[in-house]
Amino acid sequence: MTTTSASTCGERHTVVRLPEFTGADREEVCGGVPDPFEIEGLVMAWRPKQEHFGIRREGRLVAHAGLVTVPVAIAGSRTEAVGLGGVIVAPGMRGRGLGRAVVTAAVEHARGMGPDVGLLFCWPEWMPVYESLGWRELEEHVRVEQPDGPVTMPMRTMWTPLREGAGWPPGPVRLLSLPF
């Protein structure tokens, strides 16, 4: 199990690499909130993450972030990105830097996964949090795969470089998989 430490808001946070993120884990970190990611109304299919990172307090999982490598077409050219998703901090534990710590650890791991860029989907009210971590908004709306064919993602899309000098090329973007 890989661990990293980060200091935020005056606290030291130990982030661990989780072997999986089960339904029980999700329930534990979400604290019974019925729609913690505010996505139930979207009626979309979602891709599971491959890699999981978490923070525990007194044995309880209180923060999570997941990663998955995804195929992307940008202006018709196929490439890959590392998708960040499933970012959640337990109710009552927010505002302590846990989200920042778990996302930072996940992005550091993503730098070794191969692709040059990271990608995430979020609601506009969460964009400033990710911007403070170096993520940038894509101006283009992204098309994503769904069982009945591609649709325009209603959430905003952000990206971050995972390598020195990496950039996001101009042009239409299509995620060639389910969103994450």
Protein backbone atom coordinates (compact mmCIF):
# COMPACT_ATOMS: atom_id res chain seq x y z
CA MET A 1 0.00 0.00 0.00
CA THR A 2 1.51 3.34 -1.09
CA THR A 3 1.21 6.26 1.29
CA THR A 4 1.96 9.93 0.87
CA SER A 5 1.66 12.80 3.28
CA ALA A 6 0.53 16.34 2.65
CA SER A 7 0.15 19.33 4.90
CA THR A 8 -2.89 21.51 4.31
CA CYS A 9 -4.75 23.89 6.60
CA GLY A 10 -2.18 23.20 9.32
CA GLU A 11 -2.99 19.47 9.39
CA ARG A 12 -0.90 16.53 8.20
CA HIS A 13 -2.86 14.15 5.97
CA THR A 14 -1.74 10.63 5.09
CA VAL A 15 -3.12 9.51 1.75
CA VAL A 16 -3.14 5.77 1.07
CA ARG A 17 -3.57 3.89 -2.17
CA LEU A 18 -6.68 1.76 -1.77
CA PRO A 19 -6.89 -1.71 -3.36
CA GLU A 20 -10.47 -0.95 -4.46
CA PHE A 21 -13.39 1.38 -3.78
CA THR A 22 -16.43 -0.73 -2.94
CA GLY A 23 -20.04 0.25 -2.39
CA ALA A 24 -19.38 -0.05 1.34
CA ASP A 25 -16.40 2.32 1.00
CA ARG A 26 -18.57 4.79 -0.88
CA GLU A 27 -21.24 4.63 1.82
CA GLU A 28 -18.61 5.07 4.53
CA VAL A 29 -17.13 8.23 3.00
CA CYS A 30 -20.44 9.69 1.82
CA GLY A 31 -22.06 9.36 5.23
CA GLY A 32 -25.50 8.43 3.90
CA VAL A 33 -25.80 11.41 1.50
CA PRO A 34 -28.04 9.99 -1.25
CA ASP A 35 -26.44 11.77 -4.27
CA PRO A 36 -23.02 12.99 -3.14
CA PHE A 37 -21.75 13.69 -6.65
CA GLU A 38 -25.01 15.39 -7.74
CA ILE A 39 -25.26 13.19 -10.83
CA GLU A 40 -28.44 11.14 -10.35
CA GLY A 41 -30.46 13.55 -12.46
CA LEU A 42 -28.07 13.10 -15.37
CA VAL A 43 -29.18 9.50 -16.08
CA MET A 44 -25.76 8.61 -17.45
CA ALA A 45 -23.61 5.50 -17.34
CA TRP A 46 -20.22 5.98 -15.66
CA ARG A 47 -16.91 4.18 -16.01
CA PRO A 48 -15.31 2.78 -12.83
CA LYS A 49 -11.88 4.01 -11.77
CA GLN A 50 -8.77 1.79 -11.90
CA GLU A 51 -6.77 3.41 -9.10
CA HIS A 52 -8.10 4.67 -5.75
CA PHE A 53 -6.68 6.97 -3.08
CA GLY A 54 -8.12 7.72 0.32
CA ILE A 55 -7.65 9.26 3.72
CA ARG A 56 -8.77 7.53 6.90
CA ARG A 57 -9.48 9.13 10.27
CA GLU A 58 -9.88 6.82 13.25
CA GLY A 59 -10.31 3.89 10.85
CA ARG A 60 -13.06 5.56 8.80
CA LEU A 61 -12.59 6.46 5.13
CA VAL A 62 -13.21 10.22 4.96
CA ALA A 63 -11.86 11.20 1.52
CA HIS A 64 -11.50 9.50 -1.87
CA ALA A 65 -10.25 10.21 -5.39
CA GLY A 66 -10.07 7.77 -8.29
CA LEU A 67 -8.15 7.58 -11.56
CA VAL A 68 -8.70 5.82 -14.86
CA THR A 69 -6.84 5.97 -18.19
CA VAL A 70 -9.26 6.93 -20.97
CA PRO A 71 -9.08 7.28 -24.77
CA VAL A 72 -9.80 10.76 -26.09
CA ALA A 73 -10.09 12.25 -29.59
CA ILE A 74 -9.06 15.90 -29.89
CA ALA A 75 -9.69 17.48 -33.30
CA GLY A 76 -9.90 13.92 -34.66
CA SER A 77 -6.53 12.76 -33.26
CA ARG A 78 -6.67 9.93 -30.77
CA THR A 79 -4.69 10.13 -27.52
CA GLU A 80 -5.09 9.14 -23.89
CA ALA A 81 -5.72 11.09 -20.70
CA VAL A 82 -5.88 10.15 -17.05
CA GLY A 83 -9.38 10.80 -15.76
CA LEU A 84 -9.83 12.00 -12.18
CA GLY A 85 -13.21 11.28 -10.61
CA GLY A 86 -15.08 10.08 -7.58
CA VAL A 87 -13.59 12.91 -5.53
CA ILE A 88 -15.49 13.14 -2.26
CA VAL A 89 -14.89 14.29 1.30
CA ALA A 90 -17.15 13.07 4.08
CA PRO A 91 -19.75 15.53 5.37
CA GLY A 92 -18.45 17.12 8.55
CA MET A 93 -14.83 16.72 7.39
CA ARG A 94 -14.87 19.34 4.64
CA GLY A 95 -12.79 22.49 4.81
CA ARG A 96 -9.78 20.72 6.34
CA GLY A 97 -7.74 20.21 3.17
CA LEU A 98 -8.64 16.53 2.76
CA GLY A 99 -9.87 16.98 -0.81
CA ARG A 100 -6.76 18.93 -1.75
CA ALA A 101 -4.54 16.22 -0.23
CA VAL A 102 -6.26 13.25 -1.89
CA VAL A 103 -6.44 14.98 -5.31
CA THR A 104 -2.79 16.03 -5.09
CA ALA A 105 -1.72 12.46 -4.28
CA ALA A 106 -3.84 11.07 -7.13
CA VAL A 107 -2.38 13.56 -9.63
CA GLU A 108 1.16 12.73 -8.50
CA HIS A 109 0.39 9.06 -9.18
CA ALA A 110 -1.17 9.98 -12.55
CA ARG A 111 2.16 11.50 -13.64
CA GLY A 112 3.53 7.94 -13.80
CA MET A 113 0.61 6.43 -15.71
CA GLY A 114 1.74 7.48 -19.19
CA PRO A 115 -0.63 10.12 -20.62
CA ASP A 116 0.48 13.76 -20.81
CA VAL A 117 -2.74 15.26 -19.41
CA GLY A 118 -5.34 14.73 -16.74
CA LEU A 119 -9.06 15.30 -17.31
CA LEU A 120 -12.02 15.76 -14.97
CA PHE A 121 -15.70 16.68 -15.07
CA CYS A 122 -17.25 18.89 -12.40
CA TRP A 123 -20.04 21.32 -11.71
CA PRO A 124 -19.16 25.04 -12.09
CA GLU A 125 -19.28 25.70 -8.32
CA TRP A 126 -16.37 23.24 -7.81
CA MET A 127 -14.16 24.68 -10.54
CA PRO A 128 -12.37 27.19 -8.26
CA VAL A 129 -11.21 24.32 -6.04
CA TYR A 130 -9.62 22.54 -8.99
CA GLU A 131 -8.25 25.79 -10.45
CA SER A 132 -6.41 26.34 -7.16
CA LEU A 133 -4.74 22.96 -7.79
CA GLY A 134 -3.63 23.92 -11.31
CA TRP A 135 -6.53 22.55 -13.36
CA ARG A 136 -7.78 24.62 -16.31
CA GLU A 137 -11.23 24.80 -17.86
CA LEU A 138 -11.75 23.52 -21.40
CA GLU A 139 -13.84 26.01 -23.33
CA GLU A 140 -15.22 23.29 -25.60
CA HIS A 141 -18.05 21.06 -24.49
CA VAL A 142 -17.01 17.43 -24.55
CA ARG A 143 -18.91 14.57 -26.17
CA VAL A 144 -18.86 11.34 -24.15
CA GLU A 145 -19.94 7.82 -24.92
CA GLN A 146 -23.16 6.41 -23.53
CA PRO A 147 -24.91 3.08 -24.21
CA ASP A 148 -27.27 4.75 -26.74
CA GLY A 149 -24.51 6.77 -28.44
CA PRO A 150 -22.47 9.91 -27.73
CA VAL A 151 -23.94 12.83 -25.78
CA THR A 152 -22.66 16.25 -24.75
CA MET A 153 -21.39 16.17 -21.16
CA PRO A 154 -23.52 18.63 -19.13
CA MET A 155 -20.76 19.13 -16.54
CA ARG A 156 -17.76 21.39 -17.20
CA THR A 157 -14.49 19.79 -18.26
CA MET A 158 -11.08 20.66 -16.82
CA TRP A 159 -7.57 19.47 -17.65
CA THR A 160 -4.10 19.61 -16.13
CA PRO A 161 -0.66 18.87 -17.57
CA LEU A 162 0.97 15.73 -16.19
CA ARG A 163 4.29 16.38 -17.96
CA GLU A 164 6.47 19.46 -18.31
CA GLY A 165 5.39 21.39 -21.40
CA ALA A 166 2.18 19.40 -21.98
CA GLY A 167 -0.67 21.42 -23.43
CA TRP A 168 -4.21 20.91 -24.59
CA PRO A 169 -4.56 21.25 -28.37
CA PRO A 170 -7.47 23.22 -29.88
CA GLY A 171 -10.42 21.48 -31.46
CA PRO A 172 -13.49 19.42 -30.63
CA VAL A 173 -13.08 16.88 -27.84
CA ARG A 174 -14.69 13.46 -27.63
CA LEU A 175 -14.16 11.03 -24.77
CA LEU A 176 -14.11 7.64 -26.46
CA SER A 177 -15.47 5.90 -23.36
CA LEU A 178 -18.04 6.36 -20.68
CA PRO A 179 -17.34 9.37 -18.45
CA PHE A 180 -15.63 8.74 -15.15
